[in-house]
Amino acid sequence: MNRTVDCMTAGELAALGKDHIPGEFQSSRHLIYSSPATLAFNSPGAQGFGVKRAGLAVPGSVMLLVAPGCCGRNTAALNALGYRERFFYLLMDDTDIVTGRHLNKISQAVREVVESLREKPTVVMICITCVDALLGTDMERVCRKASKAAGVPVRPCYMYALTREGRMPPMVHVRKTIYELLEKRPRKRTAVNLLGEFSPFMKDMELYEILRGLGVKEIREISRCRDFEEYLSMAEANFNLVLNPECRPAAEDIRKRLGIPSIELTRLYQIDKIHRQYELLGGALGTDIDDQSWYQRAREKVDAFGRKYPNTRFAVGEWLNGNAFELSLALLRYGHQVPEIYGTVTPEQFVYLRKIADLSPDTRIYSNLSPTMLNYDCGEYPADVTIGQDAAFYHPGCPNVPWNQEEQPFGYAGLGHLFESLLAARDGEKITGGSV
């Protein structure tokens, strides 16, 4: 093993246990967390769904970015995605950074933004950076003052890289922020919200059919809301389905303010665990869910890949729509090999790591945090196919399924599309983003 690169085997990590994770795998032990999102220029949110783009998930919203020029410059990359008319800038100079005098300019800036638009925005999101984290700015007070001055709701979006390891990291906080405008309405027994993502789930996701089969007539996602009124109607839901754990605080806030309970489902790639989760969902709703047709379709796609390419060697990254460790465990259980995983090891991952260690104790876990990854040599441990864009970076030239498409995979549909993409990649087709 190349000891110039920080890595450990699944067996070694499992033996240490979740309370003794080596420092090189802990993001809180590093001055800067250079996440795999950096490969897409996604930090602090230029592509993909970082704080800036996510904050504009509310229909009709605009954003005022209050930041030094260096933090605002990369926002221009979002113009190609259709956000040119929704971003405004209040740039800070050196004196602002030292004295905090920019705070006195925000209300006027918000008023000017609102007055410059043909249609009044539904909300102005104020995106601020680590500068204000260090200054200790009370953004709730600043937003209340700006809202009073401009006559529209104003909410904060914290683009604080410094809080990644805190109780409310940026992407958790922004998920809470975008639902804070919902106001209490009479609830409808036939309405459900899907919470957690900023883009739609796959159209053929079986969860839609399952919910309709249970009598649900209105399934709302913030990404599919056509206007602000449709967004506000999310307050009529009988319950919320939380499909991303980063949305837990948002769901809890909705429960406290609006009285809407929630049920959490996990994105999984182990087919038996998907089935078990639907059994538990049915139990929670007091009914039985018949998922056999979707189970069989997904199973056929998993098996079709296995018959054509048995014992495939996978290198799995963490920049993908899924949990790198859960996905790796699924691949091992389907009879394939996973020589390498690139991921951030946290205590929560040990539920998968222990099982990976049982099936493949020599699987190597690499830390994307470590500068030693510059010394990584893919020739030492070849792979047949890689999953995740960070894995593609480490294995240039190897067939790759990025699996980071904006249309979100979930359940049996997500599993089936993944194996369709893996089959196409091994057949020599180029896969960009997600499924074929």
Protein backbone atom coordinates (compact mmCIF):
# COMPACT_ATOMS: atom_id res chain seq x y z
CA MET A 1 0.00 0.00 0.00
CA ASN A 2 1.25 3.47 -0.88
CA ARG A 3 1.91 4.98 2.57
CA THR A 4 2.42 8.47 1.11
CA VAL A 5 -1.40 8.65 0.88
CA ASP A 6 -3.60 8.75 3.98
CA CYS A 7 -5.87 5.74 3.88
CA MET A 8 -6.98 2.85 6.07
CA THR A 9 -8.76 -0.39 5.37
CA ALA A 10 -12.37 -0.96 6.34
CA GLY A 11 -11.16 -3.64 8.74
CA GLU A 12 -8.76 -1.25 10.47
CA LEU A 13 -11.37 1.49 10.82
CA ALA A 14 -14.01 -0.92 12.09
CA ALA A 15 -11.57 -2.24 14.70
CA LEU A 16 -10.88 1.31 15.95
CA GLY A 17 -14.59 2.06 16.28
CA LYS A 18 -16.62 5.23 15.83
CA ASP A 19 -15.12 6.86 18.94
CA HIS A 20 -11.55 6.60 17.68
CA ILE A 21 -11.64 7.92 14.12
CA PRO A 22 -8.12 9.01 13.09
CA GLY A 23 -7.61 12.76 12.81
CA GLU A 24 -6.85 12.69 9.11
CA PHE A 25 -10.43 11.51 8.48
CA GLN A 26 -12.09 14.17 10.65
CA SER A 27 -13.01 17.39 8.92
CA SER A 28 -13.13 19.23 12.25
CA ARG A 29 -9.42 18.51 12.75
CA HIS A 30 -8.46 20.40 9.58
CA LEU A 31 -8.18 24.14 9.11
CA ILE A 32 -10.02 23.97 5.78
CA TYR A 33 -12.42 21.30 4.59
CA SER A 34 -11.76 20.99 0.87
CA SER A 35 -14.81 18.93 0.02
CA PRO A 36 -15.19 17.05 -3.27
CA ALA A 37 -17.63 19.78 -4.26
CA THR A 38 -14.58 21.92 -4.97
CA LEU A 39 -13.97 19.81 -8.06
CA ALA A 40 -17.15 21.35 -9.50
CA PHE A 41 -16.34 24.86 -8.29
CA ASN A 42 -19.28 24.30 -5.94
CA SER A 43 -17.76 25.85 -2.87
CA PRO A 44 -19.24 28.19 -1.80
CA GLY A 45 -22.04 27.43 -4.24
CA ALA A 46 -21.39 28.40 -7.82
CA GLN A 47 -22.62 25.18 -9.40
CA GLY A 48 -24.84 22.42 -8.09
CA PHE A 49 -26.98 23.51 -5.14
CA GLY A 50 -24.82 25.49 -2.79
CA VAL A 51 -26.28 28.08 -0.43
CA LYS A 52 -26.70 30.77 -3.08
CA ARG A 53 -28.72 28.76 -5.57
CA ALA A 54 -30.59 26.85 -2.87
CA GLY A 55 -31.68 30.11 -1.26
CA LEU A 56 -33.55 30.96 -4.45
CA ALA A 57 -35.71 27.84 -4.33
CA VAL A 58 -38.70 29.93 -3.20
CA PRO A 59 -40.65 31.00 -6.33
CA GLY A 60 -40.31 34.71 -7.07
CA SER A 61 -37.38 35.24 -4.71
CA VAL A 62 -34.24 37.28 -5.36
CA MET A 63 -30.94 37.36 -3.52
CA LEU A 64 -28.68 40.14 -2.30
CA LEU A 65 -25.15 38.85 -1.85
CA VAL A 66 -23.32 40.88 0.81
CA ALA A 67 -19.68 39.90 0.50
CA PRO A 68 -16.16 40.89 -0.48
CA GLY A 69 -15.54 40.84 -4.22
CA CYS A 70 -13.66 37.55 -4.05
CA CYS A 71 -16.74 35.81 -2.59
CA GLY A 72 -19.17 37.37 -5.05
CA ARG A 73 -17.19 36.80 -8.21
CA ASN A 74 -17.93 33.13 -8.62
CA THR A 75 -21.70 33.76 -8.50
CA ALA A 76 -21.45 34.78 -12.16
CA ALA A 77 -21.11 31.08 -12.96
CA LEU A 78 -24.79 30.69 -12.08
CA ASN A 79 -25.86 33.11 -14.82
CA ALA A 80 -25.65 30.27 -17.33
CA LEU A 81 -28.32 28.44 -15.32
CA GLY A 82 -30.82 31.29 -15.66
CA TYR A 83 -30.19 33.26 -12.47
CA ARG A 84 -28.85 36.48 -14.02
CA GLU A 85 -31.92 38.54 -13.09
CA ARG A 86 -32.18 37.20 -9.55
CA PHE A 87 -28.77 38.08 -8.08
CA PHE A 88 -27.78 41.48 -6.73
CA TYR A 89 -24.55 42.51 -5.00
CA LEU A 90 -23.51 44.71 -2.12
CA LEU A 91 -19.73 44.42 -2.18
CA MET A 92 -17.71 45.05 0.97
CA ASP A 93 -14.44 46.96 1.02
CA ASP A 94 -11.64 46.71 3.57
CA THR A 95 -13.21 49.31 5.87
CA ASP A 96 -16.53 47.44 5.85
CA ILE A 97 -14.75 44.26 6.85
CA VAL A 98 -12.92 45.95 9.72
CA THR A 99 -15.74 48.16 11.04
CA GLY A 100 -18.95 46.42 9.94
CA ARG A 101 -20.28 49.67 8.42
CA HIS A 102 -21.80 47.69 5.53
CA LEU A 103 -24.59 46.67 7.89
CA ASN A 104 -25.96 50.21 7.69
CA LYS A 105 -26.19 49.89 3.89
CA ILE A 106 -28.21 46.67 3.69
CA SER A 107 -31.68 48.16 4.23
CA GLN A 108 -31.10 50.78 1.54
CA ALA A 109 -29.67 48.15 -0.81
CA VAL A 110 -32.69 45.87 -0.32
CA ARG A 111 -35.06 48.79 -0.95
CA GLU A 112 -33.21 49.67 -4.16
CA VAL A 113 -33.36 46.07 -5.33
CA VAL A 114 -37.12 45.89 -4.77
CA GLU A 115 -37.75 49.23 -6.46
CA SER A 116 -35.68 48.25 -9.49
CA LEU A 117 -37.80 45.20 -10.29
CA ARG A 118 -40.96 45.23 -12.40
CA GLU A 119 -42.63 42.78 -10.06
CA LYS A 120 -42.18 42.88 -6.31
CA PRO A 121 -40.21 39.81 -5.19
CA THR A 122 -41.86 37.33 -2.85
CA VAL A 123 -38.82 37.44 -0.57
CA VAL A 124 -35.32 38.90 -0.60
CA MET A 125 -32.71 36.44 0.59
CA ILE A 126 -29.60 38.07 2.04
CA CYS A 127 -26.59 35.84 1.57
CA ILE A 128 -23.64 36.66 3.81
CA THR A 129 -20.22 35.09 4.20
CA CYS A 130 -17.69 34.14 6.85
CA VAL A 131 -16.83 37.81 7.35
CA ASP A 132 -20.10 38.37 9.19
CA ALA A 133 -19.66 35.12 11.08
CA LEU A 134 -16.43 36.52 12.47
CA LEU A 135 -18.05 39.91 13.15
CA GLY A 136 -20.89 38.22 15.05
CA THR A 137 -23.55 39.97 12.95
CA ASP A 138 -27.16 39.57 14.15
CA MET A 139 -28.67 38.90 10.73
CA GLU A 140 -32.17 38.33 12.09
CA ARG A 141 -32.22 41.93 13.31
CA VAL A 142 -30.69 43.19 10.06
CA CYS A 143 -33.34 41.34 8.05
CA ARG A 144 -36.21 42.69 10.16
CA LYS A 145 -34.97 46.23 9.58
CA ALA A 146 -34.55 45.63 5.83
CA SER A 147 -38.00 44.05 5.57
CA LYS A 148 -39.60 47.07 7.21
CA ALA A 149 -37.74 49.42 4.87
CA ALA A 150 -38.55 47.54 1.65
CA GLY A 151 -42.02 46.21 2.45
CA VAL A 152 -41.20 42.58 1.56
CA PRO A 153 -40.06 39.58 3.60
CA VAL A 154 -36.28 39.43 4.01
CA ARG A 155 -34.53 36.27 5.21
CA PRO A 156 -30.84 35.42 5.85
CA CYS A 157 -28.82 32.74 4.06
CA TYR A 158 -25.59 31.93 5.85
CA MET A 159 -22.73 30.98 3.56
CA TYR A 160 -20.50 30.26 6.54
CA ALA A 161 -17.87 27.66 5.71
CA LEU A 162 -16.75 28.01 9.33
CA THR A 163 -19.97 26.36 10.55
CA ARG A 164 -19.67 23.14 8.53
CA GLU A 165 -19.01 21.19 11.73
CA GLY A 166 -21.59 22.99 13.85
CA ARG A 167 -25.15 22.13 14.80
CA MET A 168 -26.53 24.04 11.83
CA PRO A 169 -24.21 23.80 8.79
CA PRO A 170 -24.96 26.11 5.83
CA MET A 171 -26.91 23.57 3.75
CA VAL A 172 -28.97 22.54 6.79
CA HIS A 173 -29.75 26.14 7.66
CA VAL A 174 -30.76 27.12 4.13
CA ARG A 175 -33.19 24.19 4.01
CA LYS A 176 -34.83 25.60 7.13
CA THR A 177 -34.84 29.14 5.74
CA ILE A 178 -36.70 28.34 2.52
CA TYR A 179 -39.70 26.97 4.43
CA GLU A 180 -39.90 29.75 7.04
CA LEU A 181 -42.34 31.79 4.94
CA LEU A 182 -45.04 29.11 5.20
CA GLU A 183 -47.94 30.23 7.35
CA LYS A 184 -50.52 28.09 9.12
CA ARG A 185 -53.41 26.90 6.98
CA PRO A 186 -56.14 24.27 7.37
CA ARG A 187 -54.57 20.90 6.66
CA LYS A 188 -55.80 18.52 3.96
CA ARG A 189 -55.77 14.78 4.57
CA THR A 190 -54.96 14.19 0.89
CA ALA A 191 -51.89 16.48 0.71
CA VAL A 192 -48.26 15.52 1.36
CA ASN A 193 -44.95 17.39 0.99
CA LEU A 194 -41.65 15.86 -0.08
CA LEU A 195 -38.86 17.76 1.73
CA GLY A 196 -35.11 17.62 1.39
CA GLU A 197 -33.98 18.47 -2.13
CA PHE A 198 -33.91 21.62 -4.25
CA SER A 199 -34.57 19.84 -7.55
CA PRO A 200 -37.29 17.33 -8.47
CA PHE A 201 -37.14 13.62 -7.88
CA MET A 202 -37.18 11.23 -10.84
CA LYS A 203 -40.58 11.26 -12.52
CA ASP A 204 -40.82 7.47 -12.37
CA MET A 205 -39.99 7.33 -8.65
CA GLU A 206 -42.36 4.73 -7.24
CA LEU A 207 -43.05 6.81 -4.14
CA TYR A 208 -45.40 9.00 -6.20
CA GLU A 209 -47.51 5.97 -7.17
CA ILE A 210 -47.37 4.54 -3.66
CA LEU A 211 -48.71 7.79 -2.17
CA ARG A 212 -51.44 8.10 -4.80
CA GLY A 213 -52.43 4.50 -4.08
CA LEU A 214 -52.90 5.53 -0.45
CA GLY A 215 -55.35 8.27 -1.45
CA VAL A 216 -52.92 11.22 -1.64
CA LYS A 217 -54.05 13.69 -4.31
CA GLU A 218 -51.54 16.51 -3.86
CA ILE A 219 -47.80 15.77 -3.64
CA ARG A 220 -45.82 18.97 -3.40
CA GLU A 221 -42.09 19.64 -3.74
CA ILE A 222 -40.62 23.12 -3.58
CA SER A 223 -38.80 22.52 -6.88
CA ARG A 224 -42.10 21.85 -8.68
CA CYS A 225 -44.00 24.85 -7.25
CA ARG A 226 -44.93 27.02 -10.22
CA ASP A 227 -45.61 30.18 -8.23
CA PHE A 228 -45.57 31.60 -4.72
CA GLU A 229 -49.17 30.62 -3.98
CA GLU A 230 -48.41 27.00 -4.79
CA TYR A 231 -45.40 27.24 -2.46
CA LEU A 232 -47.62 28.63 0.32
CA SER A 233 -50.04 25.74 -0.18
CA MET A 234 -47.35 23.42 1.20
CA ALA A 235 -48.68 24.55 4.59
CA GLU A 236 -51.83 22.48 3.90
CA ALA A 237 -50.01 19.13 4.02
CA ASN A 238 -51.26 16.39 6.29
CA PHE A 239 -47.65 15.26 6.83
CA ASN A 240 -44.16 15.75 5.42
CA LEU A 241 -41.89 13.06 4.03
CA VAL A 242 -38.27 14.02 4.77
CA LEU A 243 -36.06 12.49 2.08
CA ASN A 244 -32.76 14.11 3.09
CA PRO A 245 -31.48 14.12 6.70
CA GLU A 246 -30.25 17.69 6.26
CA CYS A 247 -33.91 18.73 6.26
CA ARG A 248 -34.65 17.44 9.78
CA PRO A 249 -34.41 20.87 11.47
CA ALA A 250 -36.67 22.34 8.77
CA ALA A 251 -39.25 19.59 9.34
CA GLU A 252 -39.08 20.08 13.10
CA ASP A 253 -39.58 23.84 12.68
CA ILE A 254 -42.62 23.18 10.45
CA ARG A 255 -44.01 20.80 13.09
CA LYS A 256 -43.65 23.39 15.83
CA ARG A 257 -45.01 26.32 13.85
CA LEU A 258 -47.65 24.67 11.65
CA GLY A 259 -48.41 21.42 13.44
CA ILE A 260 -47.45 19.24 10.46
CA PRO A 261 -45.74 15.97 11.52
CA SER A 262 -43.07 14.26 9.45
CA ILE A 263 -41.79 10.82 8.54
CA GLU A 264 -38.18 10.37 7.42
CA LEU A 265 -37.12 8.04 4.61
CA THR A 266 -33.52 7.34 3.62
CA ARG A 267 -32.07 7.12 0.12
CA LEU A 268 -30.82 3.53 -0.09
CA TYR A 269 -29.30 1.23 -2.72
CA GLN A 270 -29.65 -2.08 -0.84
CA ILE A 271 -32.80 -3.49 -2.36
CA ASP A 272 -33.91 -5.41 0.71
CA LYS A 273 -33.51 -2.28 2.83
CA ILE A 274 -35.63 -0.28 0.38
CA HIS A 275 -38.34 -2.93 0.72
CA ARG A 276 -38.09 -2.88 4.52
CA GLN A 277 -38.37 0.91 4.56
CA TYR A 278 -41.63 0.78 2.62
CA GLU A 279 -42.92 -1.83 5.06
CA LEU A 280 -42.15 0.57 7.91
CA LEU A 281 -43.77 3.47 6.05
CA GLY A 282 -46.91 1.40 5.60
CA GLY A 283 -46.87 0.56 9.29
CA ALA A 284 -46.57 4.23 10.21
CA LEU A 285 -49.53 5.07 7.96
CA GLY A 286 -51.59 2.10 9.14
CA THR A 287 -51.69 0.24 5.84
CA ASP A 288 -49.82 -2.32 3.73
CA ILE A 289 -47.70 -1.19 0.78
CA ASP A 290 -47.39 -3.67 -2.09
CA ASP A 291 -44.04 -2.83 -3.71
CA GLN A 292 -43.36 -6.14 -5.45
CA SER A 293 -43.64 -4.87 -9.04
CA TRP A 294 -41.09 -2.12 -8.43
CA TYR A 295 -38.89 -4.50 -6.46
CA GLN A 296 -38.81 -6.99 -9.34
CA ARG A 297 -38.02 -4.36 -11.98
CA ALA A 298 -35.10 -3.03 -9.94
CA ARG A 299 -33.87 -6.55 -9.15
CA GLU A 300 -33.86 -7.43 -12.86
CA LYS A 301 -31.63 -4.45 -13.65
CA VAL A 302 -29.22 -5.29 -10.84
CA ASP A 303 -29.05 -8.90 -12.00
CA ALA A 304 -28.68 -7.98 -15.69
CA PHE A 305 -25.54 -6.02 -14.87
CA GLY A 306 -24.21 -8.84 -12.69
CA ARG A 307 -24.72 -11.47 -15.40
CA LYS A 308 -22.87 -9.45 -18.02
CA TYR A 309 -20.14 -8.05 -15.76
CA PRO A 310 -19.80 -10.30 -12.70
CA ASN A 311 -17.40 -9.42 -9.89
CA THR A 312 -16.88 -5.86 -11.13
CA ARG A 313 -14.33 -3.73 -9.27
CA PHE A 314 -15.82 -0.40 -8.21
CA ALA A 315 -14.13 2.73 -6.89
CA VAL A 316 -16.81 4.78 -5.12
CA GLY A 317 -16.60 8.49 -4.34
CA GLU A 318 -18.71 10.70 -2.10
CA TRP A 319 -19.68 13.37 -4.61
CA LEU A 320 -22.82 11.61 -5.78
CA ASN A 321 -26.51 11.28 -5.04
CA GLY A 322 -26.21 8.80 -2.22
CA ASN A 323 -24.12 7.74 0.75
CA ALA A 324 -20.77 6.40 -0.49
CA PHE A 325 -20.57 3.80 2.29
CA GLU A 326 -24.15 2.55 1.97
CA LEU A 327 -23.76 2.32 -1.81
CA SER A 328 -20.47 0.45 -1.43
CA LEU A 329 -22.10 -2.01 0.95
CA ALA A 330 -24.90 -2.54 -1.56
CA LEU A 331 -22.41 -3.29 -4.36
CA LEU A 332 -20.59 -5.79 -2.16
CA ARG A 333 -23.85 -7.49 -1.27
CA TYR A 334 -24.71 -7.75 -4.98
CA GLY A 335 -21.54 -9.80 -5.45
CA HIS A 336 -19.10 -7.17 -6.72
CA GLN A 337 -15.82 -5.80 -5.37
CA VAL A 338 -15.21 -2.35 -3.89
CA PRO A 339 -11.42 -1.98 -3.56
CA GLU A 340 -11.63 1.76 -2.80
CA ILE A 341 -13.97 4.30 -1.23
CA TYR A 342 -13.26 8.04 -1.15
CA GLY A 343 -15.28 9.56 1.66
CA THR A 344 -15.51 11.49 4.90
CA VAL A 345 -15.68 9.08 7.82
CA THR A 346 -18.12 10.09 10.55
CA PRO A 347 -19.54 8.08 13.47
CA GLU A 348 -22.81 7.70 11.54
CA GLN A 349 -21.01 5.77 8.78
CA PHE A 350 -20.00 2.92 11.09
CA VAL A 351 -23.34 1.19 10.67
CA TYR A 352 -22.14 0.57 7.09
CA LEU A 353 -18.41 0.39 7.74
CA ARG A 354 -18.70 -2.58 10.09
CA LYS A 355 -20.66 -4.55 7.49
CA ILE A 356 -18.22 -3.54 4.75
CA ALA A 357 -15.39 -4.79 6.97
CA ASP A 358 -17.17 -8.15 7.36
CA LEU A 359 -17.53 -8.58 3.59
CA SER A 360 -14.37 -6.86 2.38
CA PRO A 361 -11.95 -6.00 5.19
CA ASP A 362 -9.22 -4.90 2.76
CA THR A 363 -11.36 -2.21 1.11
CA ARG A 364 -9.29 0.99 1.32
CA ILE A 365 -10.92 4.17 2.63
CA TYR A 366 -9.31 7.38 1.38
CA SER A 367 -9.93 10.81 2.83
CA ASN A 368 -10.84 13.56 0.36
CA LEU A 369 -9.68 15.95 3.08
CA SER A 370 -6.03 14.99 2.84
CA PRO A 371 -3.42 16.85 0.74
CA THR A 372 -1.67 13.48 0.46
CA MET A 373 -4.25 12.54 -2.17
CA LEU A 374 -2.02 14.48 -4.55
CA ASN A 375 0.23 11.42 -4.35
CA TYR A 376 -2.56 9.00 -5.20
CA ASP A 377 -1.62 6.54 -7.96
CA CYS A 378 -4.61 4.89 -9.62
CA GLY A 379 -2.31 2.43 -11.38
CA GLU A 380 -1.59 0.69 -8.10
CA TYR A 381 -5.24 -0.34 -7.59
CA PRO A 382 -7.12 -0.42 -10.92
CA ALA A 383 -10.91 -0.27 -11.10
CA ASP A 384 -13.35 -1.44 -13.77
CA VAL A 385 -15.76 1.45 -13.23
CA THR A 386 -15.98 4.45 -10.91
CA ILE A 387 -19.05 6.10 -9.36
CA GLY A 388 -18.99 9.78 -8.40
CA GLN A 389 -17.14 12.67 -9.96
CA ASP A 390 -14.42 12.64 -7.33
CA ALA A 391 -13.76 8.98 -8.15
CA ALA A 392 -13.51 9.96 -11.83
CA PHE A 393 -10.86 12.52 -10.87
CA TYR A 394 -8.77 9.84 -9.17
CA HIS A 395 -9.19 7.33 -12.01
CA PRO A 396 -8.94 9.33 -15.25
CA GLY A 397 -9.79 7.26 -18.29
CA CYS A 398 -11.76 4.67 -16.33
CA PRO A 399 -15.47 4.26 -17.21
CA ASN A 400 -17.38 6.55 -14.87
CA VAL A 401 -20.96 7.16 -13.77
CA PRO A 402 -20.95 10.62 -12.09
CA TRP A 403 -24.39 9.96 -10.54
CA ASN A 404 -24.70 13.59 -9.51
CA GLN A 405 -27.61 14.60 -11.75
CA GLU A 406 -30.01 17.28 -10.54
CA GLU A 407 -33.04 15.00 -11.02
CA GLN A 408 -32.89 13.18 -7.72
CA PRO A 409 -32.88 9.35 -7.53
CA PHE A 410 -34.73 7.55 -4.80
CA GLY A 411 -35.95 4.07 -3.98
CA TYR A 412 -36.28 1.30 -6.54
CA ALA A 413 -36.33 3.78 -9.44
CA GLY A 414 -33.01 5.26 -8.35
CA LEU A 415 -31.45 1.81 -7.94
CA GLY A 416 -32.68 0.68 -11.35
CA HIS A 417 -31.43 3.80 -13.15
CA LEU A 418 -28.05 3.50 -11.44
CA PHE A 419 -27.51 -0.02 -12.76
CA GLU A 420 -28.72 1.01 -16.21
CA SER A 421 -26.04 3.70 -16.16
CA LEU A 422 -23.38 1.30 -14.88
CA LEU A 423 -24.20 -1.14 -17.68
CA ALA A 424 -23.99 1.61 -20.28
CA ALA A 425 -20.68 2.85 -18.86
CA ARG A 426 -19.13 -0.61 -18.99
CA ASP A 427 -20.48 -1.01 -22.52
CA GLY A 428 -18.47 2.06 -23.48
CA GLU A 429 -21.14 4.75 -23.49
CA LYS A 430 -20.24 8.14 -22.00
CA ILE A 431 -22.41 9.04 -19.03
CA THR A 432 -22.81 12.72 -18.10
CA GLY A 433 -24.41 13.47 -14.77
CA GLY A 434 -26.86 10.69 -14.16
CA SER A 435 -28.79 7.91 -15.83
CA VAL A 436 -28.92 7.12 -19.53
